C-alpha cells in the first residue's frame, strides 16, 4: 500500500490544525466565563463581608437600567443560594461565606486547568503549523 502523497499529508494536517484551533477558541471562551464567575463570586463574598451586623445602614439596590434605590440594610443572618435548575436553599451567613470561598477555589483550579490545556494545545498548534510549512516547502522545492 502506498503512503500518502505530500499534498494529502498537507490537507490532513490542515484539517487537524483547524480542529485544534477550534478547540483552542472554545477553551478561550471557557476561560473567560470561569474568570467572570471568579470575579462575580469574589464581589459577592466582599459584599457579604462588608454588610454591617445589626446596623440600620443604607445600601443601594440596583433596579436596572442604571437606576438605584436606597434601602435599609437587611439582616444578613440567613441568605438564599440559587443552586440552579430552580433550586434555592436557605443557609446562614457563615455557611454562605464558606460556600463562596470553596466555589472561588474550585473555579481558580478550573481556570488553572484550562490555562494548562491552552498551553499544551498552543504547542500542538505550533508544531502542526511548522510541519505544514515544512511539507509545503518540500513540495515547492521538490
Protein backbone atom coordinates (compact mmCIF):
# COMPACT_ATOMS: atom_id res chain seq x y z
CA UNK A 1 0.00 0.00 0.00
CA UNK A 2 1.38 3.36 -0.98
CA UNK A 3 1.90 6.14 1.57
CA UNK A 4 0.09 9.43 1.43
CA UNK A 5 1.31 11.99 -1.05
CA UNK A 6 2.72 15.28 0.26
CA UNK A 7 -0.45 17.11 -0.83
CA UNK A 8 -2.62 14.62 1.05
CA UNK A 9 -0.45 14.96 4.16
CA UNK A 10 -0.77 18.74 3.98
CA UNK A 11 -4.56 18.52 3.60
CA UNK A 12 -4.82 16.12 6.53
CA UNK A 13 -2.59 18.34 8.68
CA UNK A 14 -4.63 21.43 7.78
CA UNK A 15 -7.87 19.70 8.82
CA UNK A 16 -6.26 18.69 12.13
CA UNK A 17 -4.92 22.23 12.57
CA UNK A 18 -8.39 23.73 12.07
CA UNK A 19 -9.83 21.32 14.64
CA UNK A 20 -7.11 22.21 17.15
CA UNK A 21 -7.68 25.93 16.59
CA UNK A 22 -11.43 25.49 17.08
CA UNK A 23 -10.84 23.67 20.36
CA UNK A 24 -8.37 26.40 21.42
CA UNK A 25 -11.05 29.04 20.79
CA UNK A 26 -13.55 27.03 22.87
CA UNK A 27 -11.05 26.86 25.72
CA UNK A 28 -10.56 30.63 25.49
CA UNK A 29 -14.33 31.11 25.78
CA UNK A 30 -14.46 28.79 28.79
CA UNK A 31 -11.53 30.61 30.35
CA UNK A 32 -13.37 33.92 30.01
CA UNK A 33 -16.55 32.50 31.56
CA UNK A 34 -14.69 31.00 34.50
CA UNK A 35 -12.76 34.24 35.07
CA UNK A 36 -16.05 36.17 35.13
CA UNK A 37 -17.53 33.66 37.60
CA UNK A 38 -14.50 34.14 39.85
CA UNK A 39 -14.89 37.92 39.75
CA UNK A 40 -18.61 37.64 40.48
CA UNK A 41 -18.05 35.26 43.39
CA UNK A 42 -15.31 37.46 44.86
CA UNK A 43 -17.51 40.55 44.55
CA UNK A 44 -20.36 38.71 46.30
CA UNK A 45 -18.04 37.49 49.05
CA UNK A 46 -16.69 41.01 49.61
CA UNK A 47 -20.20 42.49 49.60
CA UNK A 48 -21.38 39.98 52.21
CA UNK A 49 -18.37 40.67 54.41
CA UNK A 50 -18.96 44.41 54.19
CA UNK A 51 -22.61 44.31 55.32
CA UNK A 52 -22.54 45.53 58.92
CA UNK A 53 -24.08 43.28 61.55
CA UNK A 54 -27.27 44.63 63.13
CA UNK A 55 -26.97 48.14 61.78
CA UNK A 56 -29.57 50.33 60.12
CA UNK A 57 -27.23 51.48 57.37
CA UNK A 58 -28.48 52.14 53.86
CA UNK A 59 -27.45 50.23 50.78
CA UNK A 60 -28.12 50.88 47.12
CA UNK A 61 -30.28 48.32 45.37
CA UNK A 62 -29.83 48.22 41.59
CA UNK A 63 -33.21 48.09 39.84
CA UNK A 64 -31.84 48.00 36.31
CA UNK A 65 -31.11 50.49 33.51
CA UNK A 66 -28.74 52.33 35.85
CA UNK A 67 -31.47 53.11 38.40
CA UNK A 68 -30.67 52.55 42.08
CA UNK A 69 -32.90 52.65 45.15
CA UNK A 70 -31.80 53.37 48.71
CA UNK A 71 -32.97 50.68 51.12
CA UNK A 72 -32.22 49.87 54.74
CA UNK A 73 -29.66 47.12 55.03
CA UNK A 74 -31.47 43.85 55.73
CA UNK A 75 -30.25 41.40 58.31
CA UNK A 76 -27.82 39.06 56.63
CA UNK A 77 -28.12 36.23 59.13
CA UNK A 78 -29.82 33.96 56.58
CA UNK A 79 -29.30 34.05 52.85
CA UNK A 80 -30.63 32.22 49.82
CA UNK A 81 -28.35 30.32 47.44
CA UNK A 82 -29.54 29.57 43.91
CA UNK A 83 -28.14 26.12 43.10
CA UNK A 84 -29.55 26.14 39.57
CA UNK A 85 -32.46 24.33 37.92
CA UNK A 86 -34.87 26.37 40.04
CA UNK A 87 -33.45 25.03 43.32
CA UNK A 88 -32.85 27.60 46.07
CA UNK A 89 -31.68 26.81 49.60
CA UNK A 90 -31.64 28.97 52.71
CA UNK A 91 -28.42 28.96 54.77
CA UNK A 92 -26.78 31.07 57.44
CA UNK A 93 -24.22 33.74 56.59
CA UNK A 94 -21.22 31.69 57.74
CA UNK A 95 -22.25 28.78 55.51
CA UNK A 96 -22.63 31.10 52.51
CA UNK A 97 -19.21 32.68 53.14
CA UNK A 98 -17.64 29.20 53.25
CA UNK A 99 -19.62 28.15 50.16
CA UNK A 100 -18.35 31.17 48.20
CA UNK A 101 -14.76 30.63 49.35
CA UNK A 102 -14.90 27.00 48.26
CA UNK A 103 -16.51 27.96 44.96
CA UNK A 104 -13.79 30.52 44.26
CA UNK A 105 -11.12 27.91 44.99
CA UNK A 106 -12.78 25.38 42.66
CA UNK A 107 -13.13 27.98 39.91
CA UNK A 108 -9.48 29.00 40.28
CA UNK A 109 -8.46 25.34 39.93
CA UNK A 110 -10.63 25.04 36.82
CA UNK A 111 -9.07 28.21 35.40
CA UNK A 112 -5.60 26.82 36.05
CA UNK A 113 -6.51 23.56 34.28
CA UNK A 114 -7.92 25.45 31.30
CA UNK A 115 -4.75 27.56 31.07
CA UNK A 116 -2.61 24.40 31.12
CA UNK A 117 -4.76 22.84 28.39
CA UNK A 118 -4.45 26.00 26.31
CA UNK A 119 -0.66 25.99 26.66
CA UNK A 120 -0.46 22.34 25.62
CA UNK A 121 -2.81 22.95 22.72
CA UNK A 122 -0.87 26.02 21.62
CA UNK A 123 2.29 23.89 21.46
CA UNK A 124 0.48 21.29 19.32
CA UNK A 125 -0.86 24.01 17.02
CA UNK A 126 2.62 25.50 16.57
CA UNK A 127 4.05 22.04 15.91
CA UNK A 128 1.37 21.34 13.29
CA UNK A 129 1.95 24.71 11.63
CA UNK A 130 5.70 24.08 11.46
CA UNK A 131 5.13 20.64 9.95
CA UNK A 132 2.68 22.02 7.36
CA UNK A 133 5.18 24.74 6.46
CA UNK A 134 7.96 22.17 6.09
CA UNK A 135 5.78 19.95 3.91
CA UNK A 136 4.75 22.91 1.76
CA UNK A 137 8.39 23.97 1.38
CA UNK A 138 9.41 20.44 0.36
CA UNK A 139 6.55 20.39 -2.15
CA UNK A 140 7.72 23.66 -3.73
CA UNK A 141 11.37 22.60 -3.92
CA UNK A 142 10.67 19.01 -4.93
